């Protein structure tokens, strides 16, 4: 399931970021392929998966999956069971994780981020919900949303790759 590449062949400094897949199975297949091609060590989903079958597709990733439930996930049956079955680490936001000595806070809705940052020191804050690209610094913290990933217009959807070495961001359109 995970790690069809050897751990040595994954780029342990790259994390993938995706948001708001909204049960678009065709786009999810493309997203998985892009992340596997880039050999990211971890993928973070910032919510609105919206269907257990969609979440199950992410078992084809060659990397770990972390994430949060979005507003369209909270009443969706089967998501928790699929996450558990695939050893995905998904919970209600905010969810703080540590990867390669970087602290990452994962949100779905962005409304509470600034208040959160007043009380918490983190390197990266990821969010979704708006379907809009966001890349900014609030003091020393990178705040990032890759934008739309469930749209029907080819070439307008995007995922993000963050290099944990320097917190640089690459957006990949598909």
N, C-alpha and C. Protein backbone atom coordinates (compact mmCIF):
# COMPACT_ATOMS: atom_id res chain seq x y z
N UNK A 1 0.83 -1.19 0.00
CA UNK A 1 0.00 0.00 0.00
C UNK A 1 0.87 1.25 0.00
N UNK A 2 1.44 1.64 1.15
CA UNK A 2 2.36 2.77 1.19
C UNK A 2 3.75 2.30 0.85
N UNK A 3 4.57 3.20 0.39
CA UNK A 3 5.98 2.97 0.16
C UNK A 3 6.26 1.91 -0.90
N UNK A 4 5.64 2.07 -2.07
CA UNK A 4 6.05 1.20 -3.16
C UNK A 4 7.45 1.61 -3.62
N UNK A 5 7.83 2.88 -3.38
CA UNK A 5 9.23 3.28 -3.53
C UNK A 5 9.91 2.87 -2.23
N UNK A 6 11.20 2.68 -2.27
CA UNK A 6 11.90 2.49 -1.00
C UNK A 6 11.94 3.82 -0.30
N UNK A 7 12.04 3.80 1.01
CA UNK A 7 12.10 5.05 1.76
C UNK A 7 13.24 5.92 1.27
N UNK A 8 14.33 5.31 0.86
CA UNK A 8 15.47 6.08 0.39
C UNK A 8 15.15 6.81 -0.91
N UNK A 9 14.23 6.28 -1.71
CA UNK A 9 13.94 6.91 -2.99
C UNK A 9 12.91 8.04 -2.86
N UNK A 10 12.21 8.11 -1.72
CA UNK A 10 11.30 9.23 -1.51
C UNK A 10 12.10 10.45 -1.08
N UNK A 11 11.65 11.61 -1.49
CA UNK A 11 12.33 12.82 -1.07
C UNK A 11 11.77 13.22 0.28
N UNK A 12 12.51 12.96 1.33
CA UNK A 12 12.04 13.16 2.69
C UNK A 12 11.86 14.62 3.05
N UNK A 13 12.25 15.52 2.19
CA UNK A 13 12.09 16.95 2.45
C UNK A 13 10.87 17.54 1.75
N UNK A 14 10.23 16.78 0.89
CA UNK A 14 9.08 17.30 0.13
C UNK A 14 7.77 16.78 0.69
N UNK A 15 6.84 17.72 0.92
CA UNK A 15 5.48 17.33 1.29
C UNK A 15 4.52 17.84 0.22
N UNK A 16 3.50 17.05 -0.05
CA UNK A 16 2.47 17.43 -0.98
C UNK A 16 1.27 17.99 -0.23
N UNK A 17 0.61 18.97 -0.83
CA UNK A 17 -0.56 19.59 -0.21
C UNK A 17 -1.69 19.60 -1.23
N UNK A 18 -2.85 19.12 -0.78
CA UNK A 18 -4.04 19.10 -1.64
C UNK A 18 -5.24 19.49 -0.79
N UNK A 19 -6.21 20.10 -1.44
CA UNK A 19 -7.40 20.53 -0.72
C UNK A 19 -8.63 20.36 -1.57
N UNK A 20 -9.75 20.19 -0.89
CA UNK A 20 -11.07 20.28 -1.54
C UNK A 20 -11.18 19.42 -2.78
N UNK A 21 -10.93 18.12 -2.65
CA UNK A 21 -11.05 17.22 -3.80
C UNK A 21 -12.50 16.90 -4.13
N UNK A 22 -13.40 17.09 -3.19
CA UNK A 22 -14.85 17.01 -3.43
C UNK A 22 -15.29 15.86 -4.33
N UNK A 23 -14.76 14.68 -4.06
CA UNK A 23 -15.21 13.47 -4.75
C UNK A 23 -14.99 13.49 -6.26
N UNK A 24 -14.05 14.28 -6.74
CA UNK A 24 -13.73 14.28 -8.16
C UNK A 24 -12.69 13.18 -8.40
N UNK A 25 -13.19 11.97 -8.70
CA UNK A 25 -12.32 10.79 -8.79
C UNK A 25 -11.27 10.90 -9.88
N UNK A 26 -11.62 11.50 -11.01
CA UNK A 26 -10.66 11.68 -12.10
C UNK A 26 -9.50 12.56 -11.63
N UNK A 27 -9.81 13.66 -10.94
CA UNK A 27 -8.76 14.54 -10.46
C UNK A 27 -7.94 13.88 -9.35
N UNK A 28 -8.60 13.10 -8.50
CA UNK A 28 -7.88 12.41 -7.43
C UNK A 28 -6.86 11.45 -8.02
N UNK A 29 -7.22 10.72 -9.08
CA UNK A 29 -6.26 9.84 -9.75
C UNK A 29 -5.05 10.64 -10.24
N UNK A 30 -5.31 11.79 -10.82
CA UNK A 30 -4.22 12.64 -11.35
C UNK A 30 -3.34 13.16 -10.20
N UNK A 31 -3.99 13.58 -9.11
CA UNK A 31 -3.28 14.10 -7.94
C UNK A 31 -2.34 13.03 -7.37
N UNK A 32 -2.84 11.82 -7.23
CA UNK A 32 -2.02 10.71 -6.71
C UNK A 32 -0.83 10.47 -7.62
N UNK A 33 -1.07 10.46 -8.91
CA UNK A 33 0.01 10.24 -9.87
C UNK A 33 1.07 11.35 -9.76
N UNK A 34 0.64 12.58 -9.64
CA UNK A 34 1.58 13.70 -9.53
C UNK A 34 2.43 13.59 -8.26
N UNK A 35 1.79 13.30 -7.14
CA UNK A 35 2.54 13.18 -5.89
C UNK A 35 3.51 12.00 -5.93
N UNK A 36 3.08 10.88 -6.50
CA UNK A 36 3.97 9.72 -6.60
C UNK A 36 5.14 10.01 -7.54
N UNK A 37 4.89 10.71 -8.63
CA UNK A 37 5.96 11.08 -9.56
C UNK A 37 6.97 12.00 -8.89
N UNK A 38 6.50 12.92 -8.08
CA UNK A 38 7.38 13.86 -7.37
C UNK A 38 8.07 13.21 -6.17
N UNK A 39 7.64 12.00 -5.81
CA UNK A 39 8.23 11.22 -4.72
C UNK A 39 8.19 11.95 -3.37
N UNK A 40 7.07 12.61 -3.09
CA UNK A 40 6.93 13.28 -1.80
C UNK A 40 6.87 12.24 -0.70
N UNK A 41 7.34 12.61 0.48
CA UNK A 41 7.33 11.65 1.59
C UNK A 41 6.00 11.67 2.33
N UNK A 42 5.29 12.78 2.25
CA UNK A 42 4.04 12.94 2.98
C UNK A 42 3.09 13.78 2.14
N UNK A 43 1.81 13.46 2.19
CA UNK A 43 0.77 14.28 1.58
C UNK A 43 -0.15 14.74 2.69
N UNK A 44 -0.53 16.01 2.61
CA UNK A 44 -1.47 16.59 3.58
C UNK A 44 -2.69 17.06 2.83
N UNK A 45 -3.85 16.55 3.24
CA UNK A 45 -5.14 16.94 2.65
C UNK A 45 -5.83 17.88 3.64
N UNK A 46 -6.17 19.06 3.17
CA UNK A 46 -6.75 20.06 4.06
C UNK A 46 -8.28 20.04 4.10
N UNK A 47 -8.86 18.94 3.70
CA UNK A 47 -10.29 18.73 3.92
C UNK A 47 -11.18 18.88 2.71
N UNK A 48 -12.42 18.46 2.90
CA UNK A 48 -13.46 18.34 1.88
C UNK A 48 -13.12 17.27 0.85
N UNK A 49 -12.96 16.07 1.40
CA UNK A 49 -12.79 14.87 0.59
C UNK A 49 -14.17 14.46 0.07
N UNK A 50 -15.14 14.48 0.94
CA UNK A 50 -16.59 14.31 0.75
C UNK A 50 -17.10 12.92 0.40
N UNK A 51 -16.25 11.92 0.37
CA UNK A 51 -16.77 10.59 0.09
C UNK A 51 -15.74 9.55 0.52
N UNK A 52 -16.21 8.47 1.15
CA UNK A 52 -15.30 7.41 1.62
C UNK A 52 -14.55 6.77 0.45
N UNK A 53 -15.21 6.57 -0.68
CA UNK A 53 -14.53 5.98 -1.84
C UNK A 53 -13.40 6.87 -2.34
N UNK A 54 -13.61 8.19 -2.28
CA UNK A 54 -12.56 9.13 -2.67
C UNK A 54 -11.37 9.01 -1.75
N UNK A 55 -11.62 8.96 -0.45
CA UNK A 55 -10.53 8.83 0.51
C UNK A 55 -9.78 7.52 0.31
N UNK A 56 -10.50 6.45 0.03
CA UNK A 56 -9.87 5.14 -0.17
C UNK A 56 -8.89 5.16 -1.34
N UNK A 57 -9.18 5.96 -2.39
CA UNK A 57 -8.27 6.06 -3.53
C UNK A 57 -6.88 6.51 -3.12
N UNK A 58 -6.81 7.33 -2.06
CA UNK A 58 -5.52 7.85 -1.61
C UNK A 58 -4.62 6.74 -1.07
N UNK A 59 -5.14 5.53 -0.92
CA UNK A 59 -4.29 4.40 -0.51
C UNK A 59 -3.27 4.07 -1.59
N UNK A 60 -3.44 4.61 -2.80
CA UNK A 60 -2.49 4.40 -3.90
C UNK A 60 -1.28 5.32 -3.81
N UNK A 61 -1.29 6.23 -2.84
CA UNK A 61 -0.11 7.09 -2.63
C UNK A 61 1.07 6.25 -2.18
N UNK A 62 2.26 6.66 -2.57
CA UNK A 62 3.48 6.02 -2.11
C UNK A 62 3.99 6.68 -0.83
N UNK A 63 3.18 7.48 -0.20
CA UNK A 63 3.59 8.25 0.96
C UNK A 63 2.52 8.21 2.03
N UNK A 64 2.85 8.75 3.18
CA UNK A 64 1.89 8.85 4.27
C UNK A 64 0.86 9.93 3.93
N UNK A 65 -0.34 9.80 4.52
CA UNK A 65 -1.38 10.81 4.34
C UNK A 65 -1.83 11.31 5.70
N UNK A 66 -1.73 12.61 5.87
CA UNK A 66 -2.28 13.32 7.02
C UNK A 66 -3.37 14.23 6.51
N UNK A 67 -4.25 14.67 7.41
CA UNK A 67 -5.25 15.63 6.97
C UNK A 67 -6.26 15.96 8.03
N UNK A 68 -7.17 16.82 7.62
CA UNK A 68 -8.29 17.23 8.47
C UNK A 68 -9.59 17.05 7.71
N UNK A 69 -10.65 16.91 8.48
CA UNK A 69 -11.98 16.87 7.89
C UNK A 69 -12.45 18.28 7.62
N UNK A 70 -13.06 18.49 6.46
CA UNK A 70 -13.62 19.79 6.11
C UNK A 70 -15.09 19.85 6.41
N UNK A 71 -15.69 20.98 6.15
CA UNK A 71 -17.11 21.17 6.44
C UNK A 71 -18.00 20.20 5.66
N UNK A 72 -17.57 19.74 4.50
CA UNK A 72 -18.36 18.78 3.73
C UNK A 72 -18.07 17.33 4.11
N UNK A 73 -17.15 17.12 5.05
CA UNK A 73 -16.81 15.77 5.49
C UNK A 73 -17.47 15.39 6.80
N UNK A 74 -17.90 16.33 7.56
CA UNK A 74 -18.26 16.09 8.96
C UNK A 74 -19.46 15.16 9.14
N UNK A 75 -20.32 15.06 8.17
CA UNK A 75 -21.47 14.15 8.28
C UNK A 75 -21.40 13.01 7.27
N UNK A 76 -20.24 12.84 6.65
CA UNK A 76 -20.07 11.83 5.62
C UNK A 76 -19.77 10.48 6.25
N UNK A 77 -20.57 9.48 5.93
CA UNK A 77 -20.38 8.14 6.48
C UNK A 77 -19.17 7.45 5.87
N UNK A 78 -18.44 6.73 6.70
CA UNK A 78 -17.37 5.87 6.23
C UNK A 78 -15.98 6.49 6.18
N UNK A 79 -15.85 7.81 6.29
CA UNK A 79 -14.54 8.43 6.18
C UNK A 79 -13.60 7.96 7.30
N UNK A 80 -14.11 7.94 8.53
CA UNK A 80 -13.29 7.54 9.67
C UNK A 80 -12.82 6.10 9.52
N UNK A 81 -13.70 5.24 9.07
CA UNK A 81 -13.36 3.82 8.90
C UNK A 81 -12.30 3.63 7.81
N UNK A 82 -12.45 4.35 6.70
CA UNK A 82 -11.47 4.24 5.61
C UNK A 82 -10.11 4.79 6.06
N UNK A 83 -10.14 5.90 6.81
CA UNK A 83 -8.88 6.46 7.31
C UNK A 83 -8.17 5.45 8.21
N UNK A 84 -8.93 4.84 9.08
CA UNK A 84 -8.35 3.85 10.00
C UNK A 84 -7.82 2.64 9.23
N UNK A 85 -8.60 2.13 8.27
CA UNK A 85 -8.21 0.96 7.47
C UNK A 85 -6.88 1.19 6.75
N UNK A 86 -6.66 2.41 6.25
CA UNK A 86 -5.47 2.73 5.47
C UNK A 86 -4.35 3.38 6.29
N UNK A 87 -4.56 3.46 7.59
CA UNK A 87 -3.57 4.09 8.48
C UNK A 87 -3.32 5.55 8.11
N UNK A 88 -4.35 6.22 7.61
CA UNK A 88 -4.27 7.65 7.36
C UNK A 88 -4.43 8.37 8.69
N UNK A 89 -3.76 9.48 8.85
CA UNK A 89 -3.86 10.27 10.08
C UNK A 89 -4.69 11.50 9.78
N UNK A 90 -6.00 11.38 10.02
CA UNK A 90 -6.94 12.45 9.71
C UNK A 90 -7.79 12.72 10.95
N UNK A 91 -7.98 13.98 11.26
CA UNK A 91 -8.80 14.35 12.41
C UNK A 91 -9.44 15.71 12.16
N UNK A 92 -10.25 16.14 13.12
CA UNK A 92 -10.84 17.46 13.03
C UNK A 92 -9.75 18.52 13.19
N UNK A 93 -9.92 19.66 12.52
CA UNK A 93 -8.93 20.73 12.63
C UNK A 93 -9.11 21.52 13.93
N UNK A 94 -8.06 22.25 14.34
CA UNK A 94 -6.72 22.24 13.78
C UNK A 94 -5.95 21.01 14.23
N UNK A 95 -5.06 20.55 13.39
CA UNK A 95 -4.25 19.37 13.63
C UNK A 95 -2.80 19.78 13.49
N UNK A 96 -2.03 19.65 14.57
CA UNK A 96 -0.60 19.99 14.55
C UNK A 96 0.22 18.72 14.41
N UNK A 97 1.15 18.75 13.46
CA UNK A 97 2.07 17.64 13.27
C UNK A 97 3.49 18.18 13.18
N UNK A 98 4.45 17.31 13.36
CA UNK A 98 5.85 17.68 13.23
C UNK A 98 6.48 16.77 12.19
N UNK A 99 7.07 17.39 11.16
CA UNK A 99 7.77 16.66 10.11
C UNK A 99 9.14 17.29 9.93
N UNK A 100 10.17 16.50 10.03
CA UNK A 100 11.54 16.98 9.83
C UNK A 100 11.81 18.28 10.60
N UNK A 101 11.48 18.28 11.86
CA UNK A 101 11.70 19.43 12.74
C UNK A 101 10.91 20.68 12.35
N UNK A 102 9.90 20.54 11.51
CA UNK A 102 9.01 21.65 11.18
C UNK A 102 7.64 21.34 11.78
N UNK A 103 7.07 22.33 12.42
CA UNK A 103 5.74 22.17 12.99
C UNK A 103 4.73 22.71 11.99
N UNK A 104 3.73 21.90 11.70
CA UNK A 104 2.73 22.22 10.68
C UNK A 104 1.35 22.17 11.33
N UNK A 105 0.57 23.21 11.13
CA UNK A 105 -0.81 23.24 11.59
C UNK A 105 -1.72 23.12 10.36
N UNK A 106 -2.67 22.19 10.45
CA UNK A 106 -3.57 21.93 9.32
C UNK A 106 -4.98 22.38 9.72
N UNK A 107 -5.55 23.24 8.90
CA UNK A 107 -6.91 23.73 9.07
C UNK A 107 -7.70 23.38 7.81
N UNK A 108 -9.01 23.51 7.89
CA UNK A 108 -9.80 23.53 6.67
C UNK A 108 -10.21 24.98 6.43
N UNK A 109 -11.07 25.51 7.27
CA UNK A 109 -11.48 26.90 7.15
C UNK A 109 -10.38 27.80 7.70
N UNK A 110 -10.12 28.93 7.04
CA UNK A 110 -9.01 29.79 7.46
C UNK A 110 -9.36 30.81 8.54
N UNK A 111 -10.60 30.90 8.95
CA UNK A 111 -11.03 32.00 9.82
C UNK A 111 -10.27 32.10 11.14
N UNK A 112 -9.84 30.99 11.72
CA UNK A 112 -9.20 31.04 13.04
C UNK A 112 -7.67 31.00 13.01
N UNK A 113 -7.09 31.13 11.83
CA UNK A 113 -5.64 30.99 11.71
C UNK A 113 -4.89 32.09 12.47
N UNK A 114 -5.27 33.33 12.27
CA UNK A 114 -4.53 34.42 12.92
C UNK A 114 -4.62 34.33 14.44
N UNK A 115 -5.79 33.98 14.96
CA UNK A 115 -5.94 33.80 16.41
C UNK A 115 -5.06 32.63 16.89
N UNK A 116 -5.04 31.54 16.13
CA UNK A 116 -4.22 30.38 16.44
C UNK A 116 -2.74 30.77 16.51
N UNK A 117 -2.30 31.60 15.56
CA UNK A 117 -0.89 31.99 15.51
C UNK A 117 -0.48 32.89 16.68
N UNK A 118 -1.43 33.56 17.29
CA UNK A 118 -1.11 34.36 18.46
C UNK A 118 -0.71 33.49 19.65
N UNK A 119 -1.19 32.24 19.67
CA UNK A 119 -0.97 31.34 20.81
C UNK A 119 -0.05 30.17 20.49
N UNK A 120 0.30 29.99 19.23
CA UNK A 120 1.08 28.83 18.80
C UNK A 120 2.18 29.25 17.85
N UNK A 121 3.36 28.67 18.04
CA UNK A 121 4.46 28.92 17.13
C UNK A 121 4.57 27.72 16.19
N UNK A 122 4.34 27.97 14.91
CA UNK A 122 4.43 26.91 13.91
C UNK A 122 5.20 27.44 12.70
N UNK A 123 5.74 26.53 11.92
CA UNK A 123 6.48 26.92 10.72
C UNK A 123 5.57 27.09 9.52
N UNK A 124 4.53 26.23 9.45
CA UNK A 124 3.64 26.22 8.30
C UNK A 124 2.20 26.08 8.78
N UNK A 125 1.30 26.84 8.16
CA UNK A 125 -0.13 26.64 8.33
C UNK A 125 -0.71 26.33 6.96
N UNK A 126 -1.43 25.23 6.87
CA UNK A 126 -2.09 24.82 5.63
C UNK A 126 -3.59 24.92 5.82
N UNK A 127 -4.28 25.35 4.77
CA UNK A 127 -5.74 25.37 4.83
C UNK A 127 -6.33 25.20 3.44
N UNK A 128 -7.61 24.97 3.42
CA UNK A 128 -8.36 24.85 2.18
C UNK A 128 -9.59 25.73 2.24
N UNK A 129 -10.73 25.15 1.87
CA UNK A 129 -12.06 25.72 1.99
C UNK A 129 -12.39 26.80 0.96
N UNK A 130 -11.49 27.72 0.71
CA UNK A 130 -11.80 28.86 -0.15
C UNK A 130 -11.67 28.53 -1.64
N UNK A 131 -10.98 27.46 -1.96
CA UNK A 131 -10.67 27.08 -3.35
C UNK A 131 -9.81 28.15 -4.02
N UNK A 132 -9.15 28.98 -3.23
CA UNK A 132 -8.31 30.05 -3.77
C UNK A 132 -6.87 29.88 -3.28
N UNK A 133 -5.96 30.13 -4.20
CA UNK A 133 -4.54 30.07 -3.90
C UNK A 133 -4.17 31.11 -2.85
N UNK A 134 -3.34 30.69 -1.93
CA UNK A 134 -2.82 31.61 -0.92
C UNK A 134 -1.41 31.16 -0.55
N UNK A 135 -0.49 32.08 -0.63
CA UNK A 135 0.88 31.85 -0.18
C UNK A 135 1.36 33.15 0.41
N UNK A 136 1.45 33.20 1.73
CA UNK A 136 1.91 34.42 2.38
C UNK A 136 2.65 34.07 3.66
N UNK A 137 3.36 35.04 4.16
CA UNK A 137 4.07 34.90 5.43
C UNK A 137 3.38 35.77 6.46
N UNK A 138 3.08 35.16 7.59
CA UNK A 138 2.61 35.91 8.74
C UNK A 138 3.73 35.76 9.76
N UNK A 139 4.50 36.82 9.93
CA UNK A 139 5.76 36.78 10.67
C UNK A 139 6.64 35.72 10.01
N UNK A 140 7.04 34.69 10.73
CA UNK A 140 7.93 33.67 10.15
C UNK A 140 7.18 32.45 9.65
N UNK A 141 5.84 32.49 9.71
CA UNK A 141 5.03 31.32 9.36
C UNK A 141 4.55 31.39 7.92
N UNK A 142 4.77 30.31 7.16
CA UNK A 142 4.22 30.19 5.82
C UNK A 142 2.77 29.76 5.93
N UNK A 143 1.87 30.52 5.32
CA UNK A 143 0.46 30.16 5.26
C UNK A 143 0.16 29.83 3.80
N UNK A 144 -0.38 28.60 3.57
CA UNK A 144 -0.51 28.12 2.20
C UNK A 144 -1.81 27.37 1.97
N UNK A 145 -2.44 27.66 0.84
CA UNK A 145 -3.58 26.93 0.31
C UNK A 145 -3.28 26.74 -1.18
N UNK A 146 -3.21 25.49 -1.66
CA UNK A 146 -2.88 25.29 -3.07
C UNK A 146 -3.98 25.74 -4.03
N UNK A 147 -5.20 25.92 -3.52
CA UNK A 147 -6.30 26.35 -4.38
C UNK A 147 -7.13 25.19 -4.89
N UNK A 148 -7.87 25.46 -5.91
CA UNK A 148 -8.84 24.53 -6.51
C UNK A 148 -8.20 23.23 -6.95
N UNK A 149 -8.81 22.10 -6.58
CA UNK A 149 -8.33 20.82 -7.10
C UNK A 149 -9.46 19.93 -7.60
N UNK A 150 -10.69 20.39 -7.49
CA UNK A 150 -11.83 19.57 -7.90
C UNK A 150 -12.58 20.16 -9.09
N UNK A 151 -12.02 21.17 -9.70
CA UNK A 151 -12.70 21.83 -10.80
C UNK A 151 -12.76 20.97 -12.05
N UNK A 152 -13.66 21.34 -12.93
CA UNK A 152 -13.84 20.56 -14.16
C UNK A 152 -12.99 21.08 -15.31
N UNK A 153 -12.37 22.26 -15.14
CA UNK A 153 -11.57 22.83 -16.22
C UNK A 153 -10.11 22.41 -16.10
N UNK A 154 -9.70 21.58 -17.04
CA UNK A 154 -8.34 21.07 -17.05
C UNK A 154 -7.34 22.22 -17.11
N UNK A 155 -6.28 22.10 -16.32
CA UNK A 155 -5.25 23.12 -16.30
C UNK A 155 -5.46 24.19 -15.24
N UNK A 156 -6.66 24.25 -14.66
CA UNK A 156 -6.94 25.25 -13.62
C UNK A 156 -6.84 24.69 -12.21
N UNK A 157 -6.72 23.37 -12.10
CA UNK A 157 -6.60 22.74 -10.79
C UNK A 157 -5.14 22.75 -10.36
N UNK A 158 -4.92 22.76 -9.03
CA UNK A 158 -3.54 22.81 -8.55
C UNK A 158 -3.37 22.03 -7.26
N UNK A 159 -2.15 21.53 -7.09
CA UNK A 159 -1.68 20.97 -5.83
C UNK A 159 -0.42 21.74 -5.48
N UNK A 160 0.07 21.54 -4.26
CA UNK A 160 1.30 22.20 -3.86
C UNK A 160 2.33 21.21 -3.38
N UNK A 161 3.58 21.60 -3.54
CA UNK A 161 4.71 20.85 -3.00
C UNK A 161 5.52 21.86 -2.17
N UNK A 162 5.77 21.51 -0.92
CA UNK A 162 6.58 22.37 -0.06
C UNK A 162 7.87 21.65 0.28
N UNK A 163 8.98 22.35 0.07
CA UNK A 163 10.30 21.82 0.44
C UNK A 163 10.57 22.24 1.88
N UNK A 164 10.69 21.28 2.76
CA UNK A 164 10.89 21.58 4.17
C UNK A 164 12.27 22.18 4.47
N UNK A 165 13.20 22.07 3.53
CA UNK A 165 14.52 22.69 3.73
C UNK A 165 14.42 24.20 3.85
N UNK A 166 13.69 24.82 2.92
CA UNK A 166 13.65 26.28 2.87
C UNK A 166 12.22 26.84 2.82
N UNK A 167 11.23 25.97 2.95
CA UNK A 167 9.81 26.34 2.90
C UNK A 167 9.43 26.98 1.57
N UNK A 168 10.14 26.61 0.51
CA UNK A 168 9.76 27.08 -0.81
C UNK A 168 8.56 26.26 -1.29
N UNK A 169 7.76 26.87 -2.14
CA UNK A 169 6.51 26.27 -2.61
C UNK A 169 6.54 26.16 -4.13
N UNK A 170 6.06 25.01 -4.60
CA UNK A 170 5.84 24.81 -6.05
C UNK A 170 4.37 24.46 -6.21
N UNK A 171 3.72 25.15 -7.14
CA UNK A 171 2.35 24.78 -7.50
C UNK A 171 2.39 24.01 -8.80
N UNK A 172 1.63 22.93 -8.85
CA UNK A 172 1.55 22.11 -10.04
C UNK A 172 0.12 22.15 -10.53
N UNK A 173 -0.06 22.61 -11.75
CA UNK A 173 -1.39 22.70 -12.35
C UNK A 173 -1.66 21.45 -13.17
N UNK A 174 -2.91 21.03 -13.17
CA UNK A 174 -3.30 19.87 -13.95
C UNK A 174 -4.70 20.03 -14.47
